[in-house]
PDB file of N, CA and C in Angstrom:
ATOM      1  N   MET A   1     -13.094  -4.317  10.156  1.00  0.00           N
ATOM      2  CA  MET A   1     -13.140  -5.017   8.783  1.00  0.00           C
ATOM      3  C   MET A   1     -13.644  -6.278   9.055  1.00  0.00           C
ATOM      4  N   ASN A   2     -14.410  -6.855   7.499  1.00  0.00           N
ATOM      5  CA  ASN A   2     -14.610  -8.149   8.016  1.00  0.00           C
ATOM      6  C   ASN A   2     -13.840  -9.168   7.552  1.00  0.00           C
ATOM      7  N   ASP A   3     -13.614 -10.189   8.401  1.00  0.00           N
ATOM      8  CA  ASP A   3     -12.405 -10.833   8.982  1.00  0.00           C
ATOM      9  C   ASP A   3     -12.234 -12.122   7.600  1.00  0.00           C
ATOM     10  N   GLU A   4     -13.606 -12.192   6.818  1.00  0.00           N
ATOM     11  CA  GLU A   4     -14.269 -12.938   6.030  1.00  0.00           C
ATOM     12  C   GLU A   4     -13.624 -12.800   4.629  1.00  0.00           C
ATOM     13  N   VAL A   5     -12.921 -11.092   4.370  1.00  0.00           N
ATOM     14  CA  VAL A   5     -12.408 -10.473   3.006  1.00  0.00           C
ATOM     15  C   VAL A   5     -10.718 -10.891   2.907  1.00  0.00           C
ATOM     16  N   LEU A   6     -10.447 -10.902   4.297  1.00  0.00           N
ATOM     17  CA  LEU A   6      -8.606 -12.010   4.472  1.00  0.00           C
ATOM     18  C   LEU A   6      -8.510 -12.784   4.756  1.00  0.00           C
ATOM     19  N   ASN A   7      -7.976 -13.832   4.376  1.00  0.00           N
ATOM     20  CA  ASN A   7      -7.684 -15.149   4.904  1.00  0.00           C
ATOM     21  C   ASN A   7      -6.677 -15.135   6.362  1.00  0.00           C
ATOM     22  N   ALA A   8      -5.787 -14.923   7.152  1.00  0.00           N
ATOM     23  CA  ALA A   8      -5.235 -15.424   8.311  1.00  0.00           C
ATOM     24  C   ALA A   8      -4.242 -14.942   7.979  1.00  0.00           C
ATOM     25  N   GLU A   9      -3.557 -15.563   6.842  1.00  0.00           N
ATOM     26  CA  GLU A   9      -2.152 -15.437   6.492  1.00  0.00           C
ATOM     27  C   GLU A   9      -2.557 -13.670   6.125  1.00  0.00           C
ATOM     28  N   GLU A  10      -3.125 -12.915   5.138  1.00  0.00           N
ATOM     29  CA  GLU A  10      -3.299 -11.960   4.696  1.00  0.00           C
ATOM     30  C   GLU A  10      -3.087 -10.898   5.989  1.00  0.00           C
ATOM     31  N   ARG A  11      -4.559 -11.103   6.867  1.00  0.00           N
ATOM     32  CA  ARG A  11      -4.424 -10.737   8.291  1.00  0.00           C
ATOM     33  C   ARG A  11      -3.491 -10.731   8.953  1.00  0.00           C
ATOM     34  N   ASP A  12      -2.440 -11.382   9.139  1.00  0.00           N
ATOM     35  CA  ASP A  12      -1.273 -10.924   9.327  1.00  0.00           C
ATOM     36  C   ASP A  12       0.008 -10.060   9.011  1.00  0.00           C
ATOM     37  N   LEU A  13      -0.235 -10.475   7.978  1.00  0.00           N
ATOM     38  CA  LEU A  13       0.764  -9.606   7.140  1.00  0.00           C
ATOM     39  C   LEU A  13       0.444  -7.785   7.016  1.00  0.00           C
ATOM     40  N   ILE A  14      -0.722  -7.797   8.273  1.00  0.00           N
ATOM     41  CA  ILE A  14      -1.272  -6.281   8.154  1.00  0.00           C
ATOM     42  C   ILE A  14       0.405  -5.744   8.689  1.00  0.00           C
ATOM     43  N   GLY A  15       0.892  -4.499   8.715  1.00  0.00           N
ATOM     44  CA  GLY A  15       1.768  -3.617   9.297  1.00  0.00           C
ATOM     45  C   GLY A  15       3.698  -4.461   9.020  1.00  0.00           C
ATOM     46  N   GLN A  16       3.283  -4.911   8.367  1.00  0.00           N
ATOM     47  CA  GLN A  16       4.674  -5.709   7.297  1.00  0.00           C
ATOM     48  C   GLN A  16       5.343  -5.397   6.311  1.00  0.00           C
ATOM     49  N   VAL A  17       6.033  -5.303   6.508  1.00  0.00           N
ATOM     50  CA  VAL A  17       6.461  -5.415   4.502  1.00  0.00           C
ATOM     51  C   VAL A  17       7.040  -6.215   3.975  1.00  0.00           C
ATOM     52  N   VAL A  18       6.406  -6.009   2.692  1.00  0.00           N
ATOM     53  CA  VAL A  18       6.135  -6.761   1.783  1.00  0.00           C
ATOM     54  C   VAL A  18       6.647  -6.076   0.286  1.00  0.00           C
ATOM     55  N   SER A  19       6.817  -6.889  -0.647  1.00  0.00           N
ATOM     56  CA  SER A  19       7.007  -6.821  -1.943  1.00  0.00           C
ATOM     57  C   SER A  19       6.532  -7.011  -3.078  1.00  0.00           C
ATOM     58  N   GLY A  20       6.549  -7.219  -3.904  1.00  0.00           N
ATOM     59  CA  GLY A  20       5.284  -7.366  -5.078  1.00  0.00           C
ATOM     60  C   GLY A  20       5.942  -6.113  -6.402  1.00  0.00           C
ATOM     61  N   GLU A  21       5.451  -7.433  -7.329  1.00  0.00           N
ATOM     62  CA  GLU A  21       5.935  -6.585  -9.233  1.00  0.00           C
ATOM     63  C   GLU A  21       4.477  -5.503  -9.501  1.00  0.00           C
ATOM     64  N   ILE A  22       4.999  -4.470  -9.938  1.00  0.00           N
ATOM     65  CA  ILE A  22       4.758  -3.847 -10.430  1.00  0.00           C
ATOM     66  C   ILE A  22       3.790  -3.602 -11.326  1.00  0.00           C
ATOM     67  N   LEU A  23       2.716  -3.705 -11.874  1.00  0.00           N
ATOM     68  CA  LEU A  23       1.454  -4.377 -12.711  1.00  0.00           C
ATOM     69  C   LEU A  23       1.449  -2.911 -13.319  1.00  0.00           C
ATOM     70  N   ALA A  24       0.808  -2.449 -13.259  1.00  0.00           N
ATOM     71  CA  ALA A  24       0.232  -1.304 -13.507  1.00  0.00           C
ATOM     72  C   ALA A  24       0.743  -0.029 -12.957  1.00  0.00           C
ATOM     73  N   ILE A  25       0.751   2.065 -14.179  1.00  0.00           N
ATOM     74  CA  ILE A  25       1.677   2.763 -12.661  1.00  0.00           C
ATOM     75  C   ILE A  25       0.400   3.964 -13.252  1.00  0.00           C
ATOM     76  N   PHE A  26       0.251   4.462 -12.645  1.00  0.00           N
ATOM     77  CA  PHE A  26      -1.335   5.124 -13.462  1.00  0.00           C
ATOM     78  C   PHE A  26      -1.231   6.995 -12.276  1.00  0.00           C
ATOM     79  N   ARG A  27      -1.826   8.093 -12.908  1.00  0.00           N
ATOM     80  CA  ARG A  27      -1.543   8.818 -12.283  1.00  0.00           C
ATOM     81  C   ARG A  27      -2.140   8.917 -10.317  1.00  0.00           C
ATOM     82  N   TRP A  28      -2.767   8.263 -10.190  1.00  0.00           N
ATOM     83  CA  TRP A  28      -3.013   8.267  -9.184  1.00  0.00           C
ATOM     84  C   TRP A  28      -2.753   6.614  -8.110  1.00  0.00           C
ATOM     85  N   GLY A  29      -1.513   6.297  -8.276  1.00  0.00           N
ATOM     86  CA  GLY A  29      -0.586   6.045  -8.034  1.00  0.00           C
ATOM     87  C   GLY A  29       0.041   4.418  -8.768  1.00  0.00           C
ATOM     88  N   LEU A  30       1.082   3.390  -7.932  1.00  0.00           N
ATOM     89  CA  LEU A  30       0.768   1.911  -8.518  1.00  0.00           C
ATOM     90  C   LEU A  30      -0.215   0.989  -7.722  1.00  0.00           C
ATOM     91  N   ILE A  31      -0.493   0.177  -9.010  1.00  0.00           N
ATOM     92  CA  ILE A  31      -0.838  -1.404  -8.604  1.00  0.00           C
ATOM     93  C   ILE A  31       0.321  -2.029  -8.835  1.00  0.00           C
ATOM     94  N   VAL A  32      -0.024  -3.117  -7.650  1.00  0.00           N
ATOM     95  CA  VAL A  32       1.198  -3.976  -7.045  1.00  0.00           C
ATOM     96  C   VAL A  32       0.646  -5.266  -7.134  1.00  0.00           C
ATOM     97  N   ASP A  33       1.283  -6.223  -7.917  1.00  0.00           N
ATOM     98  CA  ASP A  33       1.057  -8.202  -7.604  1.00  0.00           C
ATOM     99  C   ASP A  33       1.466  -8.434  -6.475  1.00  0.00           C
ATOM    100  N   LEU A  34       1.190  -8.414  -5.306  1.00  0.00           N
ATOM    101  CA  LEU A  34       1.411  -8.786  -4.256  1.00  0.00           C
ATOM    102  C   LEU A  34       1.801 -10.736  -3.981  1.00  0.00           C
ATOM    103  N   GLY A  35       1.066 -11.096  -4.835  1.00  0.00           N
ATOM    104  CA  GLY A  35       0.825 -12.637  -4.282  1.00  0.00           C
ATOM    105  C   GLY A  35      -0.303 -13.075  -2.967  1.00  0.00           C
ATOM    106  N   LEU A  36      -0.985 -11.872  -3.333  1.00  0.00           N
ATOM    107  CA  LEU A  36      -2.276 -12.022  -2.330  1.00  0.00           C
ATOM    108  C   LEU A  36      -3.629 -12.215  -2.873  1.00  0.00           C
ATOM    109  N   SER A  37      -4.512 -12.057  -2.778  1.00  0.00           N
ATOM    110  CA  SER A  37      -5.941 -11.818  -2.892  1.00  0.00           C
ATOM    111  C   SER A  37      -6.410 -11.280  -3.799  1.00  0.00           C
ATOM    112  N   ARG A  38      -5.626 -10.403  -3.293  1.00  0.00           N
ATOM    113  CA  ARG A  38      -6.135  -8.285  -4.054  1.00  0.00           C
ATOM    114  C   ARG A  38      -4.889  -8.086  -4.126  1.00  0.00           C
ATOM    115  N   VAL A  39      -4.420  -7.323  -5.516  1.00  0.00           N
ATOM    116  CA  VAL A  39      -3.422  -6.154  -5.148  1.00  0.00           C
ATOM    117  C   VAL A  39      -3.565  -5.149  -4.820  1.00  0.00           C
ATOM    118  N   GLY A  40      -2.257  -5.101  -4.615  1.00  0.00           N
ATOM    119  CA  GLY A  40      -2.008  -3.737  -3.574  1.00  0.00           C
ATOM    120  C   GLY A  40      -1.658  -1.859  -5.016  1.00  0.00           C
ATOM    121  N   LEU A  41      -1.816  -1.125  -3.189  1.00  0.00           N
ATOM    122  CA  LEU A  41      -1.770   0.233  -4.185  1.00  0.00           C
ATOM    123  C   LEU A  41      -0.562   0.842  -3.319  1.00  0.00           C
ATOM    124  N   VAL A  42       0.087   1.575  -3.713  1.00  0.00           N
ATOM    125  CA  VAL A  42       0.974   2.416  -3.253  1.00  0.00           C
ATOM    126  C   VAL A  42       0.606   3.875  -4.334  1.00  0.00           C
ATOM    127  N   ASP A  43      -0.356   4.327  -3.098  1.00  0.00           N
ATOM    128  CA  ASP A  43      -0.748   6.118  -3.271  1.00  0.00           C
ATOM    129  C   ASP A  43       0.013   7.294  -3.828  1.00  0.00           C
ATOM    130  N   VAL A  44      -0.763   7.886  -4.578  1.00  0.00           N
ATOM    131  CA  VAL A  44       0.159   8.465  -5.360  1.00  0.00           C
ATOM    132  C   VAL A  44       1.326   9.759  -4.553  1.00  0.00           C
ATOM    133  N   LEU A  45       0.295   9.897  -2.954  1.00  0.00           N
ATOM    134  CA  LEU A  45       0.657  10.581  -1.970  1.00  0.00           C
ATOM    135  C   LEU A  45       2.162  10.211  -1.697  1.00  0.00           C
ATOM    136  N   TYR A  46       2.792   8.610  -1.419  1.00  0.00           N
ATOM    137  CA  TYR A  46       3.849   8.169  -1.482  1.00  0.00           C
ATOM    138  C   TYR A  46       4.938   8.528  -2.933  1.00  0.00           C
ATOM    139  N   ILE A  47       4.261   8.916  -3.616  1.00  0.00           N
ATOM    140  CA  ILE A  47       5.388   8.535  -4.978  1.00  0.00           C
ATOM    141  C   ILE A  47       5.671   9.741  -6.155  1.00  0.00           C
ATOM    142  N   ASP A  48       7.679   9.837  -5.767  1.00  0.00           N
ATOM    143  CA  ASP A  48       7.884  11.521  -6.105  1.00  0.00           C
ATOM    144  C   ASP A  48       8.216  10.772  -7.737  1.00  0.00           C
ATOM    145  N   GLY A  49       8.331  11.585  -8.390  1.00  0.00           N
ATOM    146  CA  GLY A  49       8.275  11.955  -9.629  1.00  0.00           C
ATOM    147  C   GLY A  49      10.120  11.432 -10.427  1.00  0.00           C
ATOM    148  N   ASP A  50      11.140  11.193  -9.322  1.00  0.00           N
ATOM    149  CA  ASP A  50      12.015  10.677  -9.233  1.00  0.00           C
ATOM    150  C   ASP A  50      11.875   9.544  -8.682  1.00  0.00           C
ATOM    151  N   GLU A  51      11.475   8.386  -8.050  1.00  0.00           N
ATOM    152  CA  GLU A  51      11.492   7.621  -7.890  1.00  0.00           C
ATOM    153  C   GLU A  51      11.722   6.478  -9.101  1.00  0.00           C
ATOM    154  N   GLY A  52      11.310   6.731 -10.338  1.00  0.00           N
ATOM    155  CA  GLY A  52      12.097   4.880 -10.868  1.00  0.00           C
ATOM    156  C   GLY A  52      11.281   4.131 -11.730  1.00  0.00           C
ATOM    157  N   TYR A  53      10.037   4.372 -11.273  1.00  0.00           N
ATOM    158  CA  TYR A  53       9.537   3.252 -10.768  1.00  0.00           C
ATOM    159  C   TYR A  53       8.926   2.378 -12.563  1.00  0.00           C
ATOM    160  N   VAL A  54       9.020   1.035 -12.956  1.00  0.00           N
ATOM    161  CA  VAL A  54       8.293   1.117 -14.198  1.00  0.00           C
ATOM    162  C   VAL A  54       7.419  -0.116 -13.735  1.00  0.00           C
ATOM    163  N   THR A  55       6.868  -0.439 -14.868  1.00  0.00           N
ATOM    164  CA  THR A  55       5.451  -1.367 -15.146  1.00  0.00           C
ATOM    165  C   THR A  55       7.128  -2.933 -14.821  1.00  0.00           C
ATOM    166  N   GLY A  56       6.484  -3.668 -14.338  1.00  0.00           N
ATOM    167  CA  GLY A  56       7.753  -5.186 -13.941  1.00  0.00           C
ATOM    168  C   GLY A  56       8.678  -4.837 -12.812  1.00  0.00           C
ATOM    169  N   GLY A  57       8.895  -3.141 -12.626  1.00  0.00           N
ATOM    170  CA  GLY A  57      10.035  -3.444 -11.330  1.00  0.00           C
ATOM    171  C   GLY A  57       9.028  -3.972 -10.315  1.00  0.00           C
ATOM    172  N   ARG A  58       9.854  -3.707  -9.409  1.00  0.00           N
ATOM    173  CA  ARG A  58       9.846  -4.132  -8.210  1.00  0.00           C
ATOM    174  C   ARG A  58       9.988  -3.229  -6.691  1.00  0.00           C
ATOM    175  N   VAL A  59       8.978  -3.034  -6.043  1.00  0.00           N
ATOM    176  CA  VAL A  59       8.496  -2.268  -5.021  1.00  0.00           C
ATOM    177  C   VAL A  59       8.429  -2.640  -3.606  1.00  0.00           C
ATOM    178  N   SER A  60       9.211  -2.041  -2.329  1.00  0.00           N
ATOM    179  CA  SER A  60       8.756  -2.729  -1.436  1.00  0.00           C
ATOM    180  C   SER A  60       7.868  -1.819  -0.334  1.00  0.00           C
ATOM    181  N   GLY A  61       7.403  -2.398   0.702  1.00  0.00           N
ATOM    182  CA  GLY A  61       6.848  -1.088   1.463  1.00  0.00           C
ATOM    183  C   GLY A  61       5.631  -2.281   2.635  1.00  0.00           C
ATOM    184  N   TYR A  62       5.416  -1.183   3.215  1.00  0.00           N
ATOM    185  CA  TYR A  62       4.311  -1.423   4.864  1.00  0.00           C
ATOM    186  C   TYR A  62       3.155  -1.602   4.102  1.00  0.00           C
ATOM    187  N   LEU A  63       2.830  -3.149   4.284  1.00  0.00           N
ATOM    188  CA  LEU A  63       0.596  -3.444   4.072  1.00  0.00           C
ATOM    189  C   LEU A  63       0.396  -2.848   5.131  1.00  0.00           C
ATOM    190  N   ASP A  64      -0.394  -1.785   4.908  1.00  0.00           N
ATOM    191  CA  ASP A  64      -0.595  -0.760   5.753  1.00  0.00           C
ATOM    192  C   ASP A  64      -2.477  -0.911   6.211  1.00  0.00           C
ATOM    193  N   VAL A  65      -2.968  -1.559   5.079  1.00  0.00           N
ATOM    194  CA  VAL A  65      -4.282  -1.807   5.675  1.00  0.00           C
ATOM    195  C   VAL A  65      -5.188  -2.391   4.635  1.00  0.00           C
ATOM    196  N   PHE A  66      -5.627  -3.389   4.484  1.00  0.00           N
ATOM    197  CA  PHE A  66      -6.775  -3.448   3.293  1.00  0.00           C
ATOM    198  C   PHE A  66      -7.913  -2.487   3.294  1.00  0.00           C
ATOM    199  N   ASP A  67      -8.017  -1.491   2.201  1.00  0.00           N
ATOM    200  CA  ASP A  67      -9.263  -1.435   1.782  1.00  0.00           C
ATOM    201  C   ASP A  67     -10.285  -1.828   1.014  1.00  0.00           C
ATOM    202  N   GLU A  68     -11.226  -1.813   1.674  1.00  0.00           N
ATOM    203  CA  GLU A  68     -12.539  -2.757   1.661  1.00  0.00           C
ATOM    204  C   GLU A  68     -13.566  -2.070   0.348  1.00  0.00           C
ATOM    205  N   GLN A  69     -13.708  -0.532   0.443  1.00  0.00           N
ATOM    206  CA  GLN A  69     -14.310  -0.314  -0.783  1.00  0.00           C
ATOM    207  C   GLN A  69     -13.394  -0.537  -1.900  1.00  0.00           C
ATOM    208  N   LYS A  70     -12.188  -0.123  -2.157  1.00  0.00           N
ATOM    209  CA  LYS A  70     -11.024  -0.261  -3.322  1.00  0.00           C
ATOM    210  C   LYS A  70     -10.652  -1.746  -3.159  1.00  0.00           C
ATOM    211  N   GLU A  71     -11.152  -2.440  -2.104  1.00  0.00           N
ATOM    212  CA  GLU A  71     -10.827  -4.113  -2.194  1.00  0.00           C
ATOM    213  C   GLU A  71      -9.595  -4.164  -2.610  1.00  0.00           C
ATOM    214  N   LYS A  72      -8.402  -3.227  -2.276  1.00  0.00           N
ATOM    215  CA  LYS A  72      -7.481  -3.155  -2.625  1.00  0.00           C
ATOM    216  C   LYS A  72      -6.383  -3.521  -1.460  1.00  0.00           C
ATOM    217  N   PHE A  73      -5.636  -3.608  -0.929  1.00  0.00           N
ATOM    218  CA  PHE A  73      -4.218  -3.205   0.218  1.00  0.00           C
ATOM    219  C   PHE A  73      -3.612  -2.288  -0.183  1.00  0.00           C
ATOM    220  N   ILE A  74      -2.740  -0.981   0.421  1.00  0.00           N
ATOM    221  CA  ILE A  74      -2.253  -0.398   0.714  1.00  0.00           C
ATOM    222  C   ILE A  74      -1.159  -0.109   1.321  1.00  0.00           C
ATOM    223  N   LEU A  75      -0.049   0.123   0.268  1.00  0.00           N
ATOM    224  CA  LEU A  75       1.183  -0.344   0.779  1.00  0.00           C
ATOM    225  C   LEU A  75       1.766   1.540   0.921  1.00  0.00           C
ATOM    226  N   ARG A  76       2.397   0.979   1.907  1.00  0.00           N
ATOM    227  CA  ARG A  76       3.315   2.686   1.736  1.00  0.00           C
ATOM    228  C   ARG A  76       4.656   2.227   1.838  1.00  0.00           C
ATOM    229  N   PRO A  77       5.746   2.594   1.025  1.00  0.00           N
ATOM    230  CA  PRO A  77       6.982   2.555   1.030  1.00  0.00           C
ATOM    231  C   PRO A  77       8.023   3.009   2.092  1.00  0.00           C
ATOM    232  N   VAL A  78       8.959   1.895   2.501  1.00  0.00           N
ATOM    233  CA  VAL A  78       9.857   1.720   3.826  1.00  0.00           C
ATOM    234  C   VAL A  78      10.629   4.035   3.480  1.00  0.00           C
ATOM    235  N   GLY A  79       9.791   4.160   4.853  1.00  0.00           N
ATOM    236  CA  GLY A  79      10.633   5.449   5.108  1.00  0.00           C
ATOM    237  C   GLY A  79       9.606   6.595   4.839  1.00  0.00           C
ATOM    238  N   GLN A  80       8.674   6.117   4.220  1.00  0.00           N
ATOM    239  CA  GLN A  80       7.506   7.301   4.662  1.00  0.00           C
ATOM    240  C   GLN A  80       6.501   7.535   5.197  1.00  0.00           C
ATOM    241  N   THR A  81       6.104   8.143   6.170  1.00  0.00           N
ATOM    242  CA  THR A  81       5.386   8.697   6.609  1.00  0.00           C
ATOM    243  C   THR A  81       3.986   8.451   6.235  1.00  0.00           C
ATOM    244  N   SER A  82       3.314   7.841   7.430  1.00  0.00           N
ATOM    245  CA  SER A  82       1.470   7.237   6.717  1.00  0.00           C
ATOM    246  C   SER A  82       1.414   8.451   7.104  1.00  0.00           C
ATOM    247  N   LEU A  83       0.079   9.121   5.893  1.00  0.00           N
ATOM    248  CA  LEU A  83      -0.653  10.175   6.177  1.00  0.00           C
ATOM    249  C   LEU A  83      -1.596  10.051   7.402  1.00  0.00           C
ATOM    250  N   ALA A  84      -2.062   9.133   8.338  1.00  0.00           N
ATOM    251  CA  ALA A  84      -2.259   9.296   9.654  1.00  0.00           C
ATOM    252  C   ALA A  84      -1.363  10.323  10.050  1.00  0.00           C
ATOM    253  N   GLU A  85      -0.619   9.641  10.176  1.00  0.00           N
ATOM    254  CA  GLU A  85       0.612  10.443  11.420  1.00  0.00           C
ATOM    255  C   GLU A  85       0.927  11.367  10.818  1.00  0.00           C
ATOM    256  N   ARG A  86       0.991  11.629   9.679  1.00  0.00           N
ATOM    257  CA  ARG A  86       0.961  13.736   8.895  1.00  0.00           C
ATOM    258  C   ARG A  86       0.130  14.354   9.657  1.00  0.00           C
ATOM    259  N   LEU A  87      -1.024  13.988   9.829  1.00  0.00           N
ATOM    260  CA  LEU A  87      -2.082  14.894   9.659  1.00  0.00           C
ATOM    261  C   LEU A  87      -2.273  14.869  11.396  1.00  0.00           C
ATOM    262  N   ARG A  88      -1.483  13.504  12.590  1.00  0.00           N
ATOM    263  CA  ARG A  88      -1.514  13.711  13.851  1.00  0.00           C
ATOM    264  C   ARG A  88      -0.459  14.819  14.327  1.00  0.00           C
ATOM    265  N   MET A  89       0.463  15.140  13.872  1.00  0.00           N
ATOM    266  CA  MET A  89       1.320  15.791  13.471  1.00  0.00           C
ATOM    267  C   MET A  89       1.236  16.880  13.383  1.00  0.00           C
ATOM    268  N   LYS A  90       0.466  16.985  12.836  1.00  0.00           N
ATOM    269  CA  LYS A  90      -0.200  18.686  12.424  1.00  0.00           C
ATOM    270  C   LYS A  90      -1.845  18.833  13.063  1.00  0.00           C
ATOM    271  N   GLY A  91      -1.568  18.071  14.254  1.00  0.00           N
ATOM    272  CA  GLY A  91      -2.404  18.613  15.074  1.00  0.00           C
ATOM    273  C   GLY A  91      -3.986  17.952  14.997  1.00  0.00           C
ATOM    274  N   PHE A  92      -4.363  17.110  13.992  1.00  0.00           N
ATOM    275  CA  PHE A  92      -5.543  16.503  13.960  1.00  0.00           C
ATOM    276  C   PHE A  92      -5.502  15.079  14.817  1.00  0.00           C
ATOM    277  N   ASP A  93      -6.663  15.161  14.840  1.00  0.00           N
ATOM    278  CA  ASP A  93      -7.646  14.011  15.708  1.00  0.00           C
ATOM    279  C   ASP A  93      -7.513  12.629  14.693  1.00  0.00           C
ATOM    280  N   VAL A  94      -6.379  11.741  14.390  1.00  0.00           N
ATOM    281  CA  VAL A  94      -7.087  10.869  14.294  1.00  0.00           C
ATOM    282  C   VAL A  94      -7.031   9.476  14.051  1.00  0.00           C
TER     283      VAL A  94
END
């Protein structure tokens, strides 16, 4: 990751639990205002139809990584297993 993309405070938040306001809900995920330089994305892989997410609601999750291509922070809800860990459990080397 290019260190110039994120400031030191944002880099220190990677791996931590953060929360924010849901700005939009799409079939591919939730867009979340984290109060940082970029928005967050909760991927649809982590969303269950029964979760009850609503625009303007709050969501918390682990700040897994900053995706430079998407220019978004990737969030994983607390209690969810990361995609990389799911692949490792199936024997993939990631």
